[in-house]
């Protein structure tokens, strides 16, 4: 079952990357970024799979604090990819920035499945799975309202902040709560260093757009 859930994670991340490629084609910028997007998110995913799925680059005796620092560093470093595509992302409508967050329901389901099969600690897997599913539901619901022309500025801020809090709790839980039980070769790190940073930067871009547009008005 571990191999099946690993494959499940990889497939979901491939679909996430393809969704970003499709969404960025709808950006209001004149520049076509299809090749750039494909290369950036494709090479990033392949690198994560090789480094954390095959080589297992994280040392087995890593401390919780150092692991958490590496996770934060990975998120910050991934910001370079979004910076390269900043024009395309900033020209997306808010509902398109929220739409990829819907994939979190599949990652949340993955947490729960791994908890059921004792691949990940039960309490952690169920709680974080429910939080991921909740974040996905809120983002998708709000995206529908925004697409119908609703002015939901306060809700947009709250949903993005909840989504960010969800990911911080998940990352902190891995580093400080369950690391001794799962070790550093667990498939959860495939999501930690790929899907999670994507979700974080989409939240941050959305919040940036909210505050800049509010300030402009």
N, C-alpha and C. Protein backbone atom coordinates (compact mmCIF):
# COMPACT_ATOMS: atom_id res chain seq x y z
N UNK A 1 0.82 -1.21 0.00
CA UNK A 1 0.00 0.00 0.00
C UNK A 1 0.86 1.27 0.00
N UNK A 2 2.05 1.18 0.62
CA UNK A 2 2.94 2.35 0.63
C UNK A 2 3.31 2.76 -0.79
N UNK A 3 3.63 1.79 -1.64
CA UNK A 3 3.98 2.10 -3.02
C UNK A 3 2.79 2.72 -3.77
N UNK A 4 1.59 2.24 -3.46
CA UNK A 4 0.40 2.77 -4.12
C UNK A 4 0.15 4.22 -3.71
N UNK A 5 0.31 4.53 -2.43
CA UNK A 5 0.10 5.91 -1.97
C UNK A 5 1.21 6.83 -2.49
N UNK A 6 2.40 6.29 -2.66
CA UNK A 6 3.49 7.08 -3.25
C UNK A 6 3.16 7.44 -4.70
N UNK A 7 2.71 6.45 -5.44
CA UNK A 7 2.30 6.70 -6.82
C UNK A 7 1.13 7.68 -6.87
N UNK A 8 0.22 7.54 -5.96
CA UNK A 8 -0.94 8.45 -5.86
C UNK A 8 -0.47 9.89 -5.68
N UNK A 9 0.49 10.10 -4.77
CA UNK A 9 1.02 11.45 -4.54
C UNK A 9 1.65 12.02 -5.80
N UNK A 10 2.45 11.20 -6.48
CA UNK A 10 3.13 11.66 -7.69
C UNK A 10 2.12 12.02 -8.78
N UNK A 11 1.10 11.18 -8.95
CA UNK A 11 0.08 11.44 -9.97
C UNK A 11 -0.66 12.74 -9.66
N UNK A 12 -1.01 12.96 -8.40
CA UNK A 12 -1.71 14.19 -8.01
C UNK A 12 -0.83 15.42 -8.27
N UNK A 13 0.47 15.28 -8.05
CA UNK A 13 1.36 16.41 -8.29
C UNK A 13 1.53 16.68 -9.78
N UNK A 14 1.50 15.64 -10.58
CA UNK A 14 1.53 15.83 -12.03
C UNK A 14 0.29 16.58 -12.49
N UNK A 15 -0.87 16.18 -11.99
CA UNK A 15 -2.12 16.86 -12.35
C UNK A 15 -2.13 18.30 -11.85
N UNK A 16 -1.54 18.53 -10.69
CA UNK A 16 -1.43 19.89 -10.17
C UNK A 16 -0.60 20.76 -11.10
N UNK A 17 0.53 20.23 -11.56
CA UNK A 17 1.39 20.98 -12.49
C UNK A 17 0.67 21.24 -13.81
N UNK A 18 -0.04 20.25 -14.32
CA UNK A 18 -0.78 20.43 -15.57
C UNK A 18 -1.90 21.46 -15.41
N UNK A 19 -2.51 21.49 -14.24
CA UNK A 19 -3.55 22.47 -13.97
C UNK A 19 -2.98 23.89 -13.96
N UNK A 20 -1.82 24.04 -13.34
CA UNK A 20 -1.16 25.35 -13.35
C UNK A 20 -0.83 25.79 -14.77
N UNK A 21 -0.37 24.84 -15.57
CA UNK A 21 -0.06 25.15 -16.98
C UNK A 21 -1.31 25.62 -17.71
N UNK A 22 -2.41 24.94 -17.48
CA UNK A 22 -3.67 25.31 -18.13
C UNK A 22 -4.16 26.67 -17.64
N UNK A 23 -4.09 26.91 -16.34
CA UNK A 23 -4.58 28.16 -15.77
C UNK A 23 -3.75 29.35 -16.25
N UNK A 24 -2.45 29.18 -16.32
CA UNK A 24 -1.59 30.29 -16.72
C UNK A 24 -1.80 30.66 -18.19
N UNK A 25 -2.36 29.75 -18.97
CA UNK A 25 -2.72 30.10 -20.35
C UNK A 25 -3.86 31.11 -20.38
N UNK A 26 -4.59 31.21 -19.26
CA UNK A 26 -5.70 32.16 -19.17
C UNK A 26 -5.28 33.50 -18.58
N UNK A 27 -3.98 33.63 -18.29
CA UNK A 27 -3.48 34.89 -17.74
C UNK A 27 -3.71 36.04 -18.72
N UNK A 28 -3.94 37.23 -18.17
CA UNK A 28 -4.24 38.40 -18.99
C UNK A 28 -2.99 39.04 -19.60
N UNK A 29 -1.84 38.42 -19.38
CA UNK A 29 -0.62 38.93 -19.98
C UNK A 29 -0.52 38.48 -21.43
N UNK A 30 0.19 39.26 -22.23
CA UNK A 30 0.34 38.95 -23.65
C UNK A 30 1.38 37.87 -23.90
N UNK A 31 2.28 37.69 -22.94
CA UNK A 31 3.38 36.75 -23.13
C UNK A 31 2.91 35.31 -22.94
N UNK A 32 3.24 34.46 -23.86
CA UNK A 32 2.94 33.04 -23.72
C UNK A 32 4.02 32.38 -22.89
N UNK A 33 3.61 31.67 -21.86
CA UNK A 33 4.60 31.09 -20.94
C UNK A 33 4.51 29.57 -20.87
N UNK A 34 3.88 28.94 -21.84
CA UNK A 34 3.64 27.50 -21.78
C UNK A 34 4.93 26.71 -21.62
N UNK A 35 5.92 26.99 -22.46
CA UNK A 35 7.18 26.26 -22.40
C UNK A 35 7.89 26.52 -21.08
N UNK A 36 7.91 27.78 -20.66
CA UNK A 36 8.58 28.14 -19.41
C UNK A 36 7.92 27.46 -18.22
N UNK A 37 6.59 27.48 -18.19
CA UNK A 37 5.85 26.83 -17.10
C UNK A 37 6.12 25.34 -17.07
N UNK A 38 6.06 24.70 -18.24
CA UNK A 38 6.29 23.27 -18.32
C UNK A 38 7.67 22.88 -17.83
N UNK A 39 8.67 23.65 -18.24
CA UNK A 39 10.05 23.36 -17.83
C UNK A 39 10.23 23.56 -16.33
N UNK A 40 9.71 24.68 -15.81
CA UNK A 40 9.91 25.00 -14.40
C UNK A 40 9.25 23.96 -13.50
N UNK A 41 7.95 23.74 -13.69
CA UNK A 41 7.25 22.84 -12.79
C UNK A 41 7.55 21.38 -13.09
N UNK A 42 7.90 21.06 -14.34
CA UNK A 42 8.28 19.70 -14.68
C UNK A 42 9.63 19.31 -14.09
N UNK A 43 10.63 20.15 -14.29
CA UNK A 43 11.96 19.87 -13.74
C UNK A 43 11.97 19.89 -12.23
N UNK A 44 11.18 20.79 -11.66
CA UNK A 44 11.06 20.85 -10.20
C UNK A 44 10.50 19.53 -9.67
N UNK A 45 9.43 19.03 -10.28
CA UNK A 45 8.83 17.79 -9.81
C UNK A 45 9.78 16.61 -9.97
N UNK A 46 10.44 16.52 -11.10
CA UNK A 46 11.39 15.43 -11.32
C UNK A 46 12.51 15.48 -10.28
N UNK A 47 13.00 16.68 -9.98
CA UNK A 47 14.06 16.83 -8.98
C UNK A 47 13.60 16.36 -7.61
N UNK A 48 12.37 16.71 -7.23
CA UNK A 48 11.84 16.30 -5.93
C UNK A 48 11.70 14.78 -5.87
N UNK A 49 11.20 14.17 -6.94
CA UNK A 49 11.03 12.72 -6.96
C UNK A 49 12.38 12.02 -6.83
N UNK A 50 13.39 12.51 -7.56
CA UNK A 50 14.72 11.89 -7.51
C UNK A 50 15.37 12.09 -6.15
N UNK A 51 15.33 13.33 -5.64
CA UNK A 51 16.03 13.65 -4.40
C UNK A 51 15.38 13.04 -3.16
N UNK A 52 14.04 13.03 -3.13
CA UNK A 52 13.34 12.57 -1.93
C UNK A 52 12.65 11.22 -2.09
N UNK A 53 12.52 10.76 -3.34
CA UNK A 53 11.89 9.47 -3.57
C UNK A 53 12.88 8.34 -3.82
N UNK A 54 14.05 8.69 -4.39
CA UNK A 54 15.04 7.66 -4.71
C UNK A 54 16.34 7.83 -3.92
N UNK A 55 16.91 9.02 -3.95
CA UNK A 55 18.19 9.24 -3.26
C UNK A 55 17.98 9.38 -1.75
N UNK A 56 16.82 9.91 -1.35
CA UNK A 56 16.53 10.18 0.07
C UNK A 56 17.62 11.06 0.67
N UNK A 57 17.65 12.28 0.18
CA UNK A 57 18.74 13.19 0.47
C UNK A 57 18.77 13.64 1.93
N UNK A 58 17.64 13.58 2.62
CA UNK A 58 17.62 14.02 4.02
C UNK A 58 18.35 13.01 4.90
N UNK A 59 19.26 13.45 5.75
CA UNK A 59 19.97 12.52 6.64
C UNK A 59 19.01 11.90 7.65
N UNK A 60 19.25 10.63 7.99
CA UNK A 60 18.33 9.90 8.88
C UNK A 60 18.35 10.44 10.30
N UNK A 61 19.43 11.09 10.70
CA UNK A 61 19.55 11.59 12.08
C UNK A 61 19.27 13.09 12.18
N UNK A 62 18.58 13.65 11.21
CA UNK A 62 18.31 15.08 11.20
C UNK A 62 17.43 15.47 12.39
N UNK A 63 17.69 16.62 12.95
CA UNK A 63 16.88 17.11 14.07
C UNK A 63 15.60 17.74 13.56
N UNK A 64 14.61 17.81 14.43
CA UNK A 64 13.32 18.40 14.06
C UNK A 64 13.48 19.86 13.65
N UNK A 65 14.29 20.59 14.41
CA UNK A 65 14.48 22.02 14.12
C UNK A 65 15.16 22.22 12.78
N UNK A 66 16.17 21.40 12.50
CA UNK A 66 16.89 21.53 11.24
C UNK A 66 16.00 21.15 10.07
N UNK A 67 15.17 20.11 10.26
CA UNK A 67 14.24 19.71 9.20
C UNK A 67 13.25 20.83 8.90
N UNK A 68 12.72 21.44 9.95
CA UNK A 68 11.76 22.52 9.75
C UNK A 68 12.42 23.69 9.04
N UNK A 69 13.69 23.95 9.38
CA UNK A 69 14.44 25.03 8.71
C UNK A 69 14.63 24.70 7.23
N UNK A 70 14.90 23.44 6.90
CA UNK A 70 15.06 23.03 5.51
C UNK A 70 13.74 23.18 4.75
N UNK A 71 12.63 22.83 5.40
CA UNK A 71 11.32 22.98 4.77
C UNK A 71 11.05 24.44 4.44
N UNK A 72 11.32 25.33 5.41
CA UNK A 72 11.12 26.76 5.18
C UNK A 72 12.03 27.28 4.08
N UNK A 73 13.26 26.78 4.07
CA UNK A 73 14.21 27.18 3.03
C UNK A 73 13.73 26.72 1.65
N UNK A 74 13.17 25.51 1.61
CA UNK A 74 12.64 25.00 0.34
C UNK A 74 11.49 25.85 -0.18
N UNK A 75 10.64 26.29 0.74
CA UNK A 75 9.52 27.15 0.34
C UNK A 75 10.05 28.48 -0.20
N UNK A 76 11.02 29.04 0.52
CA UNK A 76 11.59 30.32 0.09
C UNK A 76 12.29 30.18 -1.26
N UNK A 77 13.03 29.10 -1.44
CA UNK A 77 13.76 28.89 -2.70
C UNK A 77 12.80 28.69 -3.87
N UNK A 78 11.68 28.04 -3.62
CA UNK A 78 10.72 27.83 -4.69
C UNK A 78 10.08 29.13 -5.16
N UNK A 79 10.20 30.16 -4.32
CA UNK A 79 9.70 31.47 -4.72
C UNK A 79 10.39 31.99 -5.97
N UNK A 80 11.59 31.50 -6.25
CA UNK A 80 12.31 31.90 -7.47
C UNK A 80 11.50 31.49 -8.70
N UNK A 81 10.91 30.30 -8.67
CA UNK A 81 10.12 29.83 -9.82
C UNK A 81 8.92 30.75 -10.05
N UNK A 82 8.27 31.13 -8.96
CA UNK A 82 7.10 32.01 -9.09
C UNK A 82 7.51 33.42 -9.48
N UNK A 83 8.70 33.82 -9.07
CA UNK A 83 9.20 35.14 -9.49
C UNK A 83 9.42 35.18 -11.00
N UNK A 84 9.92 34.08 -11.54
CA UNK A 84 10.14 34.01 -12.99
C UNK A 84 8.83 34.10 -13.76
N UNK A 85 7.74 33.71 -13.11
CA UNK A 85 6.42 33.73 -13.75
C UNK A 85 5.51 34.77 -13.10
N UNK A 86 6.12 35.76 -12.46
CA UNK A 86 5.34 36.72 -11.67
C UNK A 86 4.30 37.45 -12.50
N UNK A 87 4.64 37.83 -13.73
CA UNK A 87 3.70 38.58 -14.55
C UNK A 87 2.46 37.75 -14.86
N UNK A 88 2.68 36.47 -15.16
CA UNK A 88 1.55 35.59 -15.49
C UNK A 88 0.66 35.37 -14.26
N UNK A 89 1.27 35.12 -13.10
CA UNK A 89 0.48 34.86 -11.90
C UNK A 89 -0.26 36.10 -11.43
N UNK A 90 0.39 37.25 -11.47
CA UNK A 90 -0.24 38.47 -10.99
C UNK A 90 -1.38 38.93 -11.90
N UNK A 91 -1.40 38.45 -13.12
CA UNK A 91 -2.47 38.82 -14.04
C UNK A 91 -3.60 37.80 -14.10
N UNK A 92 -3.57 36.85 -13.18
CA UNK A 92 -4.66 35.89 -13.06
C UNK A 92 -5.77 36.47 -12.19
N UNK A 93 -7.00 36.14 -12.51
CA UNK A 93 -8.11 36.49 -11.62
C UNK A 93 -8.01 35.68 -10.33
N UNK A 94 -8.61 36.21 -9.26
CA UNK A 94 -8.50 35.56 -7.97
C UNK A 94 -9.06 34.14 -7.98
N UNK A 95 -10.15 33.93 -8.71
CA UNK A 95 -10.73 32.59 -8.71
C UNK A 95 -9.79 31.56 -9.34
N UNK A 96 -8.96 32.01 -10.28
CA UNK A 96 -8.00 31.10 -10.90
C UNK A 96 -6.83 30.80 -9.97
N UNK A 97 -6.50 31.74 -9.10
CA UNK A 97 -5.46 31.48 -8.10
C UNK A 97 -5.96 30.51 -7.03
N UNK A 98 -7.26 30.55 -6.76
CA UNK A 98 -7.83 29.67 -5.75
C UNK A 98 -8.09 28.26 -6.28
N UNK A 99 -8.38 28.16 -7.56
CA UNK A 99 -8.80 26.89 -8.14
C UNK A 99 -7.83 25.73 -7.88
N UNK A 100 -6.51 25.90 -8.04
CA UNK A 100 -5.60 24.77 -7.79
C UNK A 100 -5.63 24.28 -6.34
N UNK A 101 -6.07 25.14 -5.41
CA UNK A 101 -6.15 24.71 -4.01
C UNK A 101 -7.12 23.55 -3.84
N UNK A 102 -8.03 23.37 -4.80
CA UNK A 102 -8.98 22.25 -4.72
C UNK A 102 -8.26 20.91 -4.69
N UNK A 103 -7.05 20.84 -5.25
CA UNK A 103 -6.29 19.59 -5.23
C UNK A 103 -5.95 19.15 -3.81
N UNK A 104 -6.05 20.07 -2.86
CA UNK A 104 -5.71 19.70 -1.49
C UNK A 104 -6.67 18.67 -0.91
N UNK A 105 -7.86 18.57 -1.48
CA UNK A 105 -8.77 17.54 -0.99
C UNK A 105 -8.22 16.15 -1.30
N UNK A 106 -7.49 16.02 -2.43
CA UNK A 106 -6.90 14.74 -2.78
C UNK A 106 -5.69 14.43 -1.89
N UNK A 107 -4.91 15.46 -1.58
CA UNK A 107 -3.79 15.25 -0.67
C UNK A 107 -4.30 14.95 0.74
N UNK A 108 -5.39 15.63 1.13
CA UNK A 108 -6.00 15.33 2.43
C UNK A 108 -6.50 13.90 2.50
N UNK A 109 -7.13 13.46 1.40
CA UNK A 109 -7.58 12.06 1.34
C UNK A 109 -6.40 11.11 1.43
N UNK A 110 -5.28 11.50 0.83
CA UNK A 110 -4.06 10.68 0.91
C UNK A 110 -3.57 10.53 2.34
N UNK A 111 -3.61 11.64 3.10
CA UNK A 111 -3.23 11.58 4.51
C UNK A 111 -4.11 10.57 5.26
N UNK A 112 -5.41 10.65 5.03
CA UNK A 112 -6.34 9.77 5.74
C UNK A 112 -6.13 8.32 5.35
N UNK A 113 -5.92 8.06 4.06
CA UNK A 113 -5.66 6.69 3.60
C UNK A 113 -4.39 6.15 4.26
N UNK A 114 -3.33 6.96 4.31
CA UNK A 114 -2.09 6.49 4.94
C UNK A 114 -2.28 6.27 6.43
N UNK A 115 -3.15 7.06 7.05
CA UNK A 115 -3.43 6.86 8.48
C UNK A 115 -4.16 5.54 8.69
N UNK A 116 -5.09 5.22 7.80
CA UNK A 116 -5.85 3.97 7.91
C UNK A 116 -4.92 2.76 7.81
N UNK A 117 -3.93 2.85 6.93
CA UNK A 117 -3.01 1.72 6.72
C UNK A 117 -1.74 1.83 7.58
N UNK A 118 -1.77 2.74 8.55
CA UNK A 118 -0.66 2.89 9.49
C UNK A 118 0.66 3.26 8.80
N UNK A 119 0.54 3.95 7.67
CA UNK A 119 1.73 4.44 6.98
C UNK A 119 2.18 5.76 7.61
N UNK A 120 1.24 6.43 8.23
CA UNK A 120 1.50 7.68 8.92
C UNK A 120 0.70 7.61 10.23
N UNK A 121 1.17 8.24 11.32
CA UNK A 121 0.42 8.18 12.59
C UNK A 121 -1.04 8.58 12.42
N UNK A 122 -1.93 7.82 13.04
CA UNK A 122 -3.37 7.97 12.81
C UNK A 122 -3.87 9.36 13.16
N UNK A 123 -3.57 9.84 14.36
CA UNK A 123 -4.10 11.14 14.78
C UNK A 123 -3.64 12.26 13.85
N UNK A 124 -2.36 12.22 13.51
CA UNK A 124 -1.82 13.25 12.62
C UNK A 124 -2.48 13.16 11.25
N UNK A 125 -2.56 11.97 10.69
CA UNK A 125 -3.09 11.80 9.35
C UNK A 125 -4.54 12.22 9.23
N UNK A 126 -5.35 11.89 10.22
CA UNK A 126 -6.77 12.23 10.17
C UNK A 126 -6.97 13.74 10.34
N UNK A 127 -6.32 14.33 11.34
CA UNK A 127 -6.48 15.76 11.59
C UNK A 127 -6.01 16.59 10.40
N UNK A 128 -4.82 16.29 9.92
CA UNK A 128 -4.28 17.07 8.80
C UNK A 128 -5.05 16.78 7.51
N UNK A 129 -5.53 15.56 7.35
CA UNK A 129 -6.35 15.25 6.19
C UNK A 129 -7.63 16.07 6.17
N UNK A 130 -8.29 16.15 7.32
CA UNK A 130 -9.52 16.93 7.41
C UNK A 130 -9.24 18.41 7.17
N UNK A 131 -8.13 18.92 7.70
CA UNK A 131 -7.79 20.33 7.50
C UNK A 131 -7.53 20.62 6.02
N UNK A 132 -6.82 19.71 5.35
CA UNK A 132 -6.57 19.89 3.91
C UNK A 132 -7.87 19.89 3.12
N UNK A 133 -8.75 18.96 3.43
CA UNK A 133 -10.03 18.88 2.73
C UNK A 133 -10.86 20.13 2.98
N UNK A 134 -10.84 20.61 4.21
CA UNK A 134 -11.57 21.85 4.55
C UNK A 134 -11.01 23.03 3.76
N UNK A 135 -9.69 23.15 3.70
CA UNK A 135 -9.06 24.24 2.95
C UNK A 135 -9.46 24.18 1.48
N UNK A 136 -9.46 22.98 0.93
CA UNK A 136 -9.83 22.81 -0.48
C UNK A 136 -11.27 23.20 -0.72
N UNK A 137 -12.16 22.77 0.17
CA UNK A 137 -13.58 23.08 0.02
C UNK A 137 -13.82 24.60 0.09
N UNK A 138 -13.19 25.26 1.06
CA UNK A 138 -13.37 26.71 1.20
C UNK A 138 -12.85 27.45 -0.02
N UNK A 139 -11.67 27.05 -0.51
CA UNK A 139 -11.08 27.73 -1.66
C UNK A 139 -11.93 27.53 -2.90
N UNK A 140 -12.40 26.31 -3.13
CA UNK A 140 -13.20 26.03 -4.32
C UNK A 140 -14.55 26.75 -4.26
N UNK A 141 -15.18 26.76 -3.08
CA UNK A 141 -16.45 27.46 -2.93
C UNK A 141 -16.30 28.96 -3.17
N UNK A 142 -15.24 29.52 -2.60
CA UNK A 142 -15.01 30.96 -2.78
C UNK A 142 -14.69 31.28 -4.24
N UNK A 143 -13.95 30.39 -4.91
CA UNK A 143 -13.64 30.61 -6.33
C UNK A 143 -14.92 30.68 -7.16
N UNK A 144 -15.90 29.86 -6.82
CA UNK A 144 -17.18 29.88 -7.54
C UNK A 144 -17.89 31.22 -7.31
N UNK A 145 -17.92 31.67 -6.06
CA UNK A 145 -18.55 32.96 -5.76
C UNK A 145 -17.86 34.10 -6.51
N UNK A 146 -16.53 34.08 -6.52
CA UNK A 146 -15.78 35.14 -7.20
C UNK A 146 -16.05 35.12 -8.71
N UNK A 147 -16.12 33.92 -9.27
CA UNK A 147 -16.39 33.80 -10.70
C UNK A 147 -17.76 34.33 -11.07
N UNK A 148 -18.68 34.34 -10.10
CA UNK A 148 -20.03 34.85 -10.34
C UNK A 148 -20.13 36.35 -10.04
N UNK A 149 -18.98 36.97 -9.74
CA UNK A 149 -18.95 38.41 -9.57
C UNK A 149 -19.10 38.90 -8.15
N UNK A 150 -19.04 38.00 -7.18
CA UNK A 150 -19.17 38.40 -5.78
C UNK A 150 -17.92 39.15 -5.31
N UNK A 151 -18.10 40.25 -4.58
CA UNK A 151 -16.99 40.97 -3.98
C UNK A 151 -16.77 40.43 -2.57
N UNK A 152 -15.86 39.48 -2.45
CA UNK A 152 -15.67 38.74 -1.19
C UNK A 152 -14.28 39.00 -0.62
N UNK A 153 -13.92 40.25 -0.45
CA UNK A 153 -12.56 40.59 -0.03
C UNK A 153 -12.22 40.00 1.33
N UNK A 154 -13.11 40.17 2.30
CA UNK A 154 -12.83 39.65 3.64
C UNK A 154 -12.73 38.12 3.62
N UNK A 155 -13.64 37.48 2.92
CA UNK A 155 -13.60 36.02 2.82
C UNK A 155 -12.33 35.55 2.12
N UNK A 156 -11.89 36.31 1.13
CA UNK A 156 -10.67 35.96 0.39
C UNK A 156 -9.46 35.99 1.32
N UNK A 157 -9.40 36.98 2.18
CA UNK A 157 -8.30 37.08 3.14
C UNK A 157 -8.35 35.91 4.12
N UNK A 158 -9.53 35.64 4.67
CA UNK A 158 -9.67 34.59 5.67
C UNK A 158 -9.38 33.21 5.11
N UNK A 159 -9.87 32.93 3.90
CA UNK A 159 -9.62 31.62 3.29
C UNK A 159 -8.13 31.42 3.01
N UNK A 160 -7.47 32.46 2.52
CA UNK A 160 -6.03 32.35 2.26
C UNK A 160 -5.25 32.17 3.56
N UNK A 161 -5.62 32.89 4.60
CA UNK A 161 -4.93 32.75 5.88
C UNK A 161 -5.15 31.37 6.49
N UNK A 162 -6.36 30.85 6.38
CA UNK A 162 -6.64 29.50 6.87
C UNK A 162 -5.82 28.47 6.10
N UNK A 163 -5.74 28.65 4.78
CA UNK A 163 -4.95 27.72 3.97
C UNK A 163 -3.48 27.75 4.34
N UNK A 164 -2.95 28.93 4.60
CA UNK A 164 -1.55 29.05 5.02
C UNK A 164 -1.33 28.40 6.39
N UNK A 165 -2.27 28.65 7.31
CA UNK A 165 -2.16 28.06 8.65
C UNK A 165 -2.18 26.54 8.57
N UNK A 166 -3.03 26.01 7.72
CA UNK A 166 -3.12 24.57 7.51
C UNK A 166 -1.76 23.99 7.12
N UNK A 167 -1.10 24.61 6.16
CA UNK A 167 0.18 24.08 5.68
C UNK A 167 1.26 24.21 6.74
N UNK A 168 1.26 25.32 7.48
CA UNK A 168 2.24 25.50 8.56
C UNK A 168 2.08 24.42 9.62
N UNK A 169 0.82 24.13 9.98
CA UNK A 169 0.56 23.09 10.98
C UNK A 169 1.02 21.73 10.48
N UNK A 170 0.75 21.44 9.21
CA UNK A 170 1.17 20.16 8.62
C UNK A 170 2.70 20.04 8.65
N UNK A 171 3.39 21.09 8.21
CA UNK A 171 4.85 21.05 8.15
C UNK A 171 5.46 20.95 9.55
N UNK A 172 4.92 21.74 10.49
CA UNK A 172 5.43 21.70 11.86
C UNK A 172 5.16 20.34 12.49
N UNK A 173 4.00 19.75 12.17
CA UNK A 173 3.67 18.43 12.72
C UNK A 173 4.63 17.36 12.23
N UNK A 174 5.01 17.44 10.95
CA UNK A 174 5.97 16.48 10.41
C UNK A 174 7.32 16.61 11.11
N UNK A 175 7.76 17.84 11.28
CA UNK A 175 9.09 18.07 11.85
C UNK A 175 9.15 17.81 13.36
N UNK A 176 8.13 18.24 14.08
CA UNK A 176 8.21 18.23 15.55
C UNK A 176 7.37 17.15 16.23
N UNK A 177 6.47 16.49 15.47
CA UNK A 177 5.60 15.50 16.11
C UNK A 177 5.84 14.08 15.63
N UNK A 178 5.93 13.88 14.33
CA UNK A 178 5.93 12.50 13.81
C UNK A 178 7.23 12.07 13.15
N UNK A 179 8.23 12.94 13.12
CA UNK A 179 9.50 12.60 12.46
C UNK A 179 10.10 11.30 12.98
N UNK A 180 10.16 11.08 14.31
CA UNK A 180 10.74 9.82 14.79
C UNK A 180 9.98 8.59 14.31
N UNK A 181 8.68 8.74 14.03
CA UNK A 181 7.87 7.58 13.61
C UNK A 181 7.94 7.31 12.12
N UNK A 182 8.11 8.36 11.32
CA UNK A 182 8.09 8.15 9.86
C UNK A 182 9.48 8.15 9.25
N UNK A 183 10.47 8.76 9.92
CA UNK A 183 11.81 8.84 9.36
C UNK A 183 11.90 9.85 8.21
N UNK A 184 13.03 9.88 7.58
CA UNK A 184 13.27 10.88 6.53
C UNK A 184 13.10 10.32 5.11
N UNK A 185 12.69 9.06 4.99
CA UNK A 185 12.52 8.46 3.67
C UNK A 185 11.04 8.27 3.33
N UNK A 186 10.18 8.93 4.07
CA UNK A 186 8.73 8.78 3.88
C UNK A 186 8.26 9.54 2.64
N UNK A 187 7.20 9.04 2.01
CA UNK A 187 6.71 9.69 0.80
C UNK A 187 6.06 11.05 1.05
N UNK A 188 5.78 11.38 2.30
CA UNK A 188 5.18 12.68 2.61
C UNK A 188 6.07 13.82 2.15
N UNK A 189 7.37 13.57 2.07
CA UNK A 189 8.30 14.64 1.68
C UNK A 189 8.17 14.99 0.19
N UNK A 190 7.58 14.10 -0.59
CA UNK A 190 7.29 14.44 -1.98
C UNK A 190 6.30 15.59 -2.07
N UNK A 191 5.35 15.61 -1.14
CA UNK A 191 4.37 16.71 -1.09
C UNK A 191 4.93 17.93 -0.39
N UNK A 192 5.72 17.70 0.64
CA UNK A 192 6.28 18.81 1.42
C UNK A 192 7.13 19.74 0.56
N UNK A 193 7.87 19.16 -0.38
CA UNK A 193 8.80 19.97 -1.16
C UNK A 193 8.30 20.28 -2.58
N UNK A 194 7.05 19.93 -2.86
CA UNK A 194 6.50 20.29 -4.17
C UNK A 194 5.11 20.91 -4.05
N UNK A 195 4.13 20.11 -3.70
CA UNK A 195 2.76 20.62 -3.64
C UNK A 195 2.60 21.72 -2.60
N UNK A 196 3.17 21.50 -1.42
CA UNK A 196 3.00 22.49 -0.33
C UNK A 196 3.54 23.87 -0.71
N UNK A 197 4.76 23.99 -1.24
CA UNK A 197 5.23 25.32 -1.65
C UNK A 197 4.36 25.96 -2.73
N UNK A 198 3.82 25.16 -3.64
CA UNK A 198 2.93 25.70 -4.68
C UNK A 198 1.70 26.30 -4.02
N UNK A 199 1.09 25.56 -3.10
CA UNK A 199 -0.11 26.07 -2.43
C UNK A 199 0.21 27.33 -1.63
N UNK A 200 1.36 27.35 -0.96
CA UNK A 200 1.74 28.52 -0.17
C UNK A 200 1.89 29.75 -1.05
N UNK A 201 2.60 29.62 -2.16
CA UNK A 201 2.85 30.79 -3.01
C UNK A 201 1.57 31.26 -3.70
N UNK A 202 0.67 30.34 -4.01
CA UNK A 202 -0.62 30.77 -4.57
C UNK A 202 -1.40 31.58 -3.55
N UNK A 203 -1.35 31.18 -2.28
CA UNK A 203 -2.00 31.95 -1.22
C UNK A 203 -1.36 33.34 -1.10
N UNK A 204 -0.04 33.38 -1.10
CA UNK A 204 0.66 34.65 -0.93
C UNK A 204 0.40 35.59 -2.10
N UNK A 205 0.38 35.06 -3.31
CA UNK A 205 0.09 35.89 -4.48
C UNK A 205 -1.33 36.43 -4.40
N UNK A 206 -2.26 35.58 -3.99
CA UNK A 206 -3.65 36.01 -3.84
C UNK A 206 -3.77 37.13 -2.81
N UNK A 207 -3.11 36.97 -1.68
CA UNK A 207 -3.15 38.01 -0.64
C UNK A 207 -2.50 39.30 -1.13
N UNK A 208 -1.39 39.17 -1.84
CA UNK A 208 -0.72 40.35 -2.39
C UNK A 208 -1.65 41.12 -3.32
N UNK A 209 -2.38 40.39 -4.17
CA UNK A 209 -3.32 41.03 -5.07
C UNK A 209 -4.45 41.73 -4.31
N UNK A 210 -4.92 41.09 -3.23
CA UNK A 210 -5.98 41.70 -2.43
C UNK A 210 -5.52 43.04 -1.87
N UNK A 211 -4.34 43.04 -1.27
CA UNK A 211 -3.88 44.27 -0.60
C UNK A 211 -3.48 45.37 -1.59
N UNK A 212 -2.90 44.98 -2.71
CA UNK A 212 -2.54 46.01 -3.70
C UNK A 212 -3.78 46.59 -4.37
N UNK A 213 -4.75 45.73 -4.64
CA UNK A 213 -5.98 46.24 -5.27
C UNK A 213 -6.81 47.07 -4.30
N UNK A 214 -6.80 46.69 -3.01
CA UNK A 214 -7.52 47.46 -2.00
C UNK A 214 -6.85 48.83 -1.81
N UNK A 215 -5.53 48.82 -1.80
CA UNK A 215 -4.79 50.07 -1.64
C UNK A 215 -5.00 50.99 -2.83
N UNK A 216 -5.06 50.41 -4.04
CA UNK A 216 -5.25 51.21 -5.25
C UNK A 216 -6.62 51.87 -5.30
N UNK A 217 -7.61 51.17 -4.72
CA UNK A 217 -8.96 51.72 -4.74
C UNK A 217 -9.18 52.70 -3.59
